[in-house]
Amino acid sequence: MRVEIDENSGFCFGVVNAIRKAEEELRRGPLYCIGEIVHNDVEVRRLARRGLRTIDHETFAGLHRCRVLFRAHGEPPSSYALAARNEVEVIDASCPVVLALQRKIREAHARARAAGGQVVIYGKPGHAEVTALLAQTGGEAIVAGGVEDLDAVDFSRPVTLFSQTTQGLEGFREIVARARERAGATVSVHDTICRKVANRVPQLKRFAASHDAILFVSDEKSSNGKLLFSVCREVNPRSYFIQDARDLRREMLDGVDSAGISGATSTPRRVMESVGERVRALAGEEGERNHSKTTARRDVPASQLTRTTCQRSKELEY
C-alpha cells in the first residue's frame, strides 16, 4: 500500500512560534497559558508534562508576579492592562498575522466612528481570535458567522468588512457578495484570511482526490480541522476524521491501495507520522493473512481439492 503524508499539513507558523516560545520559557520553570496553546490534546498533554499550565481568563485575573503566555490567537487589550497591574510577565506568542489584523480593525473602527460607519468581522462567534478582534472596537463591531447574521448590519451606513484569519475563502466571498447586494459601494472589503490557511483548500482538494482513502488527523476542538475535513469529504467520500493512530480501524483501509494522511494547522507532524506507521502495520498484517490463506490452500492435497470442487458443483446443481 502507498502511504503519503500531506506535505502542506501540520502546524502553521503561528502555532510553531507559540510552541517554540513555550518550550524556551519552560526551561526557566512553570508557565501559565490562557487557553489551550493549540487545539490538540496530544500536544497540550506533552507540554503540560513539562510544566505548562492551561488556565482561563478568570484564573488569569487572580495571578500576580508570574509568567503567562499569550497564545497565537491573540488577546484583547484588557489582558495586557491586567498583566501590567498584577506585575505579570507576558510571553507574547500572538501570531504576527493576527496582531496586524488587530491593528487594522482598531484603526478602521476609529475611522468608522468618525464617519458614522460600522466594522463587521466574518468569523466564529466566541472563538478566541474573534473575541480579541471584537475587543479592538470596544465590543462595537458586528460578528457575522454566516450570511444570516448580516441582518444585524445597518446597510444605510458605510460598512468595513474583515475576516477572522482562519476562515475559509468561499464563506468569506459569499458574505462579501451578500453584503454588496444590500449595500453596493458602501462596503469596504479587507481580505484578511491567512494565506497559509486559504491556500490549503485547493492543495487539499488535489491531495484528497489522489488517494483511495484519506485519514484526516485533528482534534475535535479545532475549527480549522473541521473546515479542512469537510473539504476532504467533498472530494473523497472515503475520508475519515481521527485524532490519532488509536482511532484507526481496519475497515477504513479495506480495498485501499493508496492512503493519504493530512491534518489541521494544529496537528503535530509526529502524530501524522505515527498514523502512517500504524497504516503500514495494518497493511502488512493484512498482507500476511492473505499470504497465509494462499499458502494454506496450496497445502491442501489435490484429491481433497477435487472432492471439494465436485461437492460444490453438485450443490449448485440443486
Protein backbone atom coordinates (compact mmCIF):
# COMPACT_ATOMS: atom_id res chain seq x y z
CA MET A 1 0.00 0.00 0.00
CA ARG A 2 1.19 3.51 -0.83
CA VAL A 3 1.04 5.83 2.18
CA GLU A 4 1.60 9.58 1.80
CA ILE A 5 1.60 12.35 4.40
CA ASP A 6 0.39 15.69 3.06
CA GLU A 7 3.46 17.94 3.00
CA ASN A 8 1.25 21.04 3.35
CA SER A 9 -0.43 19.86 6.54
CA GLY A 10 0.51 20.38 10.16
CA PHE A 11 1.37 23.36 12.32
CA CYS A 12 1.13 26.83 10.80
CA PHE A 13 3.78 29.45 11.59
CA GLY A 14 1.75 30.97 14.42
CA VAL A 15 1.43 27.66 16.24
CA VAL A 16 5.08 26.73 15.65
CA ASN A 17 6.12 30.10 17.10
CA ALA A 18 3.89 29.71 20.17
CA ILE A 19 5.15 26.20 20.95
CA ARG A 20 8.77 27.24 20.43
CA LYS A 21 8.35 30.14 22.86
CA ALA A 22 6.62 27.88 25.38
CA GLU A 23 9.43 25.33 25.23
CA GLU A 24 12.06 28.06 25.66
CA GLU A 25 10.27 29.61 28.64
CA LEU A 26 9.60 26.25 30.30
CA ARG A 27 13.35 25.84 30.71
CA ARG A 28 13.07 28.68 33.25
CA GLY A 29 10.30 26.95 35.17
CA PRO A 30 6.50 26.57 35.21
CA LEU A 31 4.47 28.73 32.84
CA TYR A 32 0.78 29.61 32.51
CA CYS A 33 -1.11 29.83 29.22
CA ILE A 34 -4.55 31.41 28.73
CA GLY A 35 -6.50 28.71 26.90
CA GLU A 36 -5.01 25.67 25.21
CA ILE A 37 -1.84 26.63 23.38
CA VAL A 38 -3.10 24.61 20.42
CA HIS A 39 -6.34 22.71 19.81
CA ASN A 40 -4.68 19.32 20.09
CA ASP A 41 -4.86 17.21 23.25
CA VAL A 42 -1.68 15.27 22.40
CA GLU A 43 0.42 18.45 22.24
CA VAL A 44 -1.31 20.04 25.24
CA ARG A 45 -0.55 16.96 27.38
CA ARG A 46 3.08 16.89 26.20
CA LEU A 47 3.66 20.50 27.22
CA ALA A 48 1.71 20.03 30.47
CA ARG A 49 4.19 17.33 31.47
CA ARG A 50 6.92 19.94 31.02
CA GLY A 51 5.14 22.44 33.27
CA LEU A 52 2.74 24.41 31.05
CA ARG A 53 -0.47 25.05 32.95
CA THR A 54 -3.59 25.93 30.94
CA ILE A 55 -5.86 28.49 32.64
CA ASP A 56 -8.94 30.57 31.81
CA HIS A 57 -9.33 34.35 32.00
CA GLU A 58 -10.91 34.17 35.45
CA THR A 59 -7.84 32.40 36.86
CA PHE A 60 -5.57 34.80 34.97
CA ALA A 61 -7.24 37.74 36.73
CA GLY A 62 -6.10 36.37 40.10
CA LEU A 63 -2.45 35.81 39.20
CA HIS A 64 0.37 38.07 40.40
CA ARG A 65 4.10 38.23 39.69
CA CYS A 66 4.34 35.18 37.45
CA ARG A 67 4.75 34.41 33.74
CA VAL A 68 1.82 33.96 31.37
CA LEU A 69 1.95 33.04 27.71
CA PHE A 70 -0.50 34.65 25.28
CA ARG A 71 -1.14 32.05 22.55
CA ALA A 72 -1.28 32.56 18.77
CA HIS A 73 -4.98 33.54 18.77
CA GLY A 74 -4.12 36.87 20.39
CA GLU A 75 -5.56 38.60 23.45
CA PRO A 76 -7.76 41.67 23.98
CA PRO A 77 -6.23 44.93 25.27
CA SER A 78 -7.71 44.25 28.70
CA SER A 79 -5.42 41.23 29.16
CA TYR A 80 -2.31 43.35 28.62
CA ALA A 81 -3.61 46.00 31.03
CA LEU A 82 -4.40 43.41 33.69
CA ALA A 83 -0.97 41.82 33.35
CA ALA A 84 0.68 45.20 33.87
CA ARG A 85 -1.38 45.91 37.02
CA ASN A 86 -0.64 42.49 38.51
CA GLU A 87 3.07 42.52 37.62
CA VAL A 88 2.63 39.53 35.34
CA GLU A 89 5.36 38.95 32.77
CA VAL A 90 3.68 38.40 29.38
CA ILE A 91 5.26 35.96 26.95
CA ASP A 92 3.53 37.19 23.82
CA ALA A 93 3.18 34.39 21.27
CA SER A 94 0.37 36.08 19.35
CA CYS A 95 0.59 35.29 15.64
CA PRO A 96 2.05 38.28 13.73
CA VAL A 97 -0.77 37.95 11.19
CA VAL A 98 -3.34 38.22 13.99
CA LEU A 99 -1.57 41.19 15.59
CA ALA A 100 -1.56 43.00 12.24
CA LEU A 101 -5.29 42.32 11.88
CA GLN A 102 -5.97 43.64 15.39
CA ARG A 103 -4.24 46.89 14.45
CA LYS A 104 -6.17 47.18 11.17
CA ILE A 105 -9.51 46.66 12.90
CA ARG A 106 -8.63 49.14 15.65
CA GLU A 107 -7.73 51.82 13.09
CA ALA A 108 -10.76 51.04 10.89
CA HIS A 109 -13.07 51.31 13.88
CA ALA A 110 -11.71 54.76 14.73
CA ARG A 111 -12.34 55.91 11.14
CA ALA A 112 -15.79 54.27 11.06
CA ARG A 113 -16.89 56.03 14.25
CA ALA A 114 -15.86 59.37 12.81
CA ALA A 115 -17.76 58.69 9.56
CA GLY A 116 -20.82 57.06 11.13
CA GLY A 117 -19.87 53.62 9.78
CA GLN A 118 -19.60 50.09 11.15
CA VAL A 119 -16.99 47.34 11.33
CA VAL A 120 -18.12 43.80 10.52
CA ILE A 121 -15.96 40.75 11.28
CA TYR A 122 -16.64 37.48 9.45
CA GLY A 123 -15.75 34.81 11.99
CA LYS A 124 -16.87 32.27 14.53
CA PRO A 125 -18.61 33.97 17.48
CA GLY A 126 -16.86 33.13 20.75
CA HIS A 127 -13.64 31.98 19.09
CA ALA A 128 -10.60 33.30 20.96
CA GLU A 129 -9.24 35.20 17.95
CA VAL A 130 -12.63 36.78 17.22
CA THR A 131 -13.11 37.76 20.86
CA ALA A 132 -9.78 39.61 20.80
CA LEU A 133 -10.62 41.25 17.45
CA LEU A 134 -14.00 42.38 18.74
CA ALA A 135 -12.30 43.90 21.77
CA GLN A 136 -10.25 46.17 19.48
CA THR A 137 -13.53 48.02 18.80
CA GLY A 138 -14.69 48.10 22.40
CA GLY A 139 -17.23 45.43 21.51
CA GLU A 140 -18.93 47.65 18.92
CA ALA A 141 -18.13 45.60 15.80
CA ILE A 142 -20.66 43.12 14.44
CA VAL A 143 -19.54 39.48 14.23
CA ALA A 144 -21.08 37.59 11.31
CA GLY A 145 -20.71 33.83 11.45
CA GLY A 146 -22.82 33.46 8.31
CA VAL A 147 -24.96 35.40 5.85
CA GLU A 148 -27.94 35.27 8.23
CA ASP A 149 -26.01 37.45 10.70
CA LEU A 150 -25.87 40.28 8.15
CA ASP A 151 -29.41 41.18 9.23
CA ALA A 152 -27.80 42.89 12.24
CA VAL A 153 -25.90 45.28 9.94
CA ASP A 154 -27.32 48.71 9.11
CA PHE A 155 -26.55 48.91 5.39
CA SER A 156 -27.67 52.50 5.19
CA ARG A 157 -24.32 53.30 6.83
CA PRO A 158 -20.79 52.59 5.46
CA VAL A 159 -19.52 49.09 6.26
CA THR A 160 -15.91 47.95 6.65
CA LEU A 161 -15.64 44.15 6.41
CA PHE A 162 -12.81 41.99 7.76
CA SER A 163 -12.38 38.25 8.30
CA GLN A 164 -11.02 36.04 11.05
CA THR A 165 -7.65 34.80 9.76
CA THR A 166 -8.60 31.12 9.79
CA GLN A 167 -11.94 31.34 7.97
CA GLY A 168 -12.49 29.77 4.54
CA LEU A 169 -12.29 31.86 1.39
CA GLU A 170 -15.55 30.53 -0.06
CA GLY A 171 -17.54 31.56 3.01
CA PHE A 172 -15.91 34.99 3.01
CA ARG A 173 -16.69 35.53 -0.65
CA GLU A 174 -20.32 34.65 -0.02
CA ILE A 175 -20.50 37.17 2.83
CA VAL A 176 -18.93 39.83 0.60
CA ALA A 177 -21.35 39.12 -2.26
CA ARG A 178 -24.42 39.28 0.00
CA ALA A 179 -23.21 42.46 1.70
CA ARG A 180 -22.59 44.18 -1.64
CA GLU A 181 -26.03 43.13 -2.88
CA ARG A 182 -27.50 45.04 0.04
CA ALA A 183 -25.13 48.00 0.22
CA GLY A 184 -23.14 48.22 -3.00
CA ALA A 185 -20.15 50.57 -2.97
CA THR A 186 -20.59 51.48 0.71
CA VAL A 187 -18.92 48.17 1.67
CA SER A 188 -15.13 48.33 2.03
CA VAL A 189 -13.73 44.77 1.90
CA HIS A 190 -10.47 43.64 3.51
CA ASP A 191 -9.49 40.04 2.81
CA THR A 192 -7.58 39.24 5.98
CA ILE A 193 -7.63 35.44 5.74
CA CYS A 194 -4.21 33.89 6.36
CA ARG A 195 -2.91 32.55 3.04
CA LYS A 196 -1.36 29.54 4.78
CA VAL A 197 -4.95 28.52 5.59
CA ALA A 198 -6.61 29.77 2.37
CA ASN A 199 -4.10 28.08 0.06
CA ARG A 200 -4.59 24.77 1.81
CA VAL A 201 -8.08 24.29 0.40
CA PRO A 202 -7.08 23.86 -3.28
CA GLN A 203 -3.98 21.92 -2.21
CA LEU A 204 -6.06 19.63 -0.03
CA LYS A 205 -8.63 19.03 -2.78
CA ARG A 206 -5.86 17.81 -5.08
CA PHE A 207 -4.36 15.65 -2.34
CA ALA A 208 -7.69 14.08 -1.35
CA ALA A 209 -8.51 13.26 -4.96
CA SER A 210 -5.19 11.48 -5.47
CA HIS A 211 -5.82 8.73 -2.89
CA ASP A 212 -8.33 5.92 -2.36
CA ALA A 213 -8.87 6.99 1.26
CA ILE A 214 -7.95 9.99 3.41
CA LEU A 215 -7.16 9.83 7.12
CA PHE A 216 -7.59 13.36 8.43
CA VAL A 217 -5.88 13.85 11.78
CA SER A 218 -7.20 16.59 14.03
CA ASP A 219 -8.54 17.35 17.46
CA GLU A 220 -12.32 17.62 17.60
CA LYS A 221 -12.00 21.13 19.10
CA SER A 222 -10.16 22.54 16.08
CA SER A 223 -12.32 24.80 13.91
CA ASN A 224 -9.66 24.67 11.22
CA GLY A 225 -9.70 20.87 11.39
CA LYS A 226 -13.46 20.72 10.90
CA LEU A 227 -13.25 23.08 7.94
CA LEU A 228 -10.46 21.17 6.20
CA PHE A 229 -12.05 17.79 6.87
CA SER A 230 -15.23 18.97 5.16
CA VAL A 231 -13.07 19.85 2.13
CA CYS A 232 -11.72 16.27 2.09
CA ARG A 233 -15.21 14.79 2.30
CA GLU A 234 -16.43 16.88 -0.64
CA VAL A 235 -13.70 15.44 -2.85
CA ASN A 236 -13.25 11.96 -1.38
CA PRO A 237 -16.19 10.21 0.37
CA ARG A 238 -13.73 7.79 1.95
CA SER A 239 -12.33 10.43 4.28
CA TYR A 240 -12.09 9.60 7.96
CA PHE A 241 -11.68 12.02 10.88
CA ILE A 242 -9.33 10.62 13.53
CA GLN A 243 -7.46 12.15 16.46
CA ASP A 244 -4.51 9.77 16.48
CA ALA A 245 -3.42 6.26 15.48
CA ARG A 246 -5.62 4.68 18.16
CA ASP A 247 -8.73 5.73 16.19
CA LEU A 248 -7.69 3.72 13.13
CA ARG A 249 -9.96 0.81 12.18
CA ARG A 250 -9.06 -1.93 9.74
CA GLU A 251 -12.26 -1.38 7.74
CA MET A 252 -11.07 2.15 6.92
CA LEU A 253 -8.41 0.54 4.74
CA ASP A 254 -10.50 -2.19 3.08
CA GLY A 255 -9.75 -2.24 -0.63
CA VAL A 256 -7.37 0.70 -0.32
CA ASP A 257 -4.18 0.72 -2.39
CA SER A 258 -3.30 4.35 -1.66
CA ALA A 259 -3.87 6.12 1.68
CA GLY A 260 -3.34 9.84 2.23
CA ILE A 261 -2.76 11.34 5.67
CA SER A 262 -3.45 15.01 6.29
CA GLY A 263 -4.18 17.24 9.26
CA ALA A 264 -5.16 20.63 10.61
CA THR A 265 -2.88 23.59 11.31
CA SER A 266 -2.98 22.41 14.94
CA THR A 267 -1.90 18.81 14.22
CA PRO A 268 1.67 17.83 15.19
CA ARG A 269 3.67 16.20 12.40
CA ARG A 270 4.72 13.35 14.66
CA VAL A 271 1.07 12.39 15.25
CA MET A 272 0.51 12.09 11.49
CA GLU A 273 3.72 10.07 11.19
CA SER A 274 2.52 7.66 13.90
CA VAL A 275 -0.73 7.24 11.94
CA GLY A 276 1.34 6.43 8.85
CA GLU A 277 3.30 3.79 10.77
CA ARG A 278 0.07 2.21 12.01
CA VAL A 279 -1.41 2.17 8.49
CA ARG A 280 1.68 0.38 7.18
CA ALA A 281 1.50 -2.11 10.06
CA LEU A 282 -2.16 -2.87 9.36
CA ALA A 283 -1.44 -3.22 5.65
CA GLY A 284 1.40 -5.62 6.49
CA GLU A 285 -0.84 -7.70 8.76
CA GLU A 286 -3.47 -7.90 6.01
CA GLY A 287 -0.82 -8.99 3.53
CA GLU A 288 0.41 -11.68 5.92
CA ARG A 289 -3.15 -13.00 6.39
CA ASN A 290 -3.74 -13.17 2.66
CA HIS A 291 -0.39 -14.92 2.18
CA SER A 292 -1.26 -17.44 4.91
CA LYS A 293 -4.63 -18.21 3.30
CA THR A 294 -2.96 -18.76 -0.07
CA THR A 295 -0.27 -20.95 1.45
CA ALA A 296 -2.83 -23.00 3.39
CA ARG A 297 -4.82 -23.64 0.22
CA ARG A 298 -1.70 -24.74 -1.61
CA ASP A 299 -1.02 -27.26 1.18
CA VAL A 300 -4.39 -28.99 0.74
CA PRO A 301 -4.00 -32.39 -1.05
CA ALA A 302 -5.12 -32.39 -4.69
CA SER A 303 -7.59 -35.19 -4.01
CA GLN A 304 -9.30 -33.11 -1.30
CA LEU A 305 -9.46 -30.07 -3.59
CA THR A 306 -11.09 -32.25 -6.24
CA ARG A 307 -13.65 -33.62 -3.79
CA THR A 308 -14.45 -30.13 -2.52
CA THR A 309 -14.84 -28.77 -6.05
CA CYS A 310 -17.08 -31.68 -7.09
CA GLN A 311 -19.17 -31.29 -3.94
CA ARG A 312 -19.71 -27.55 -4.63
CA SER A 313 -20.66 -28.31 -8.20
CA LYS A 314 -23.33 -30.73 -7.04
CA GLU A 315 -24.67 -28.21 -4.53
CA LEU A 316 -25.01 -25.67 -7.31
CA GLU A 317 -26.97 -28.20 -9.42
CA TYR A 318 -29.65 -28.29 -6.78
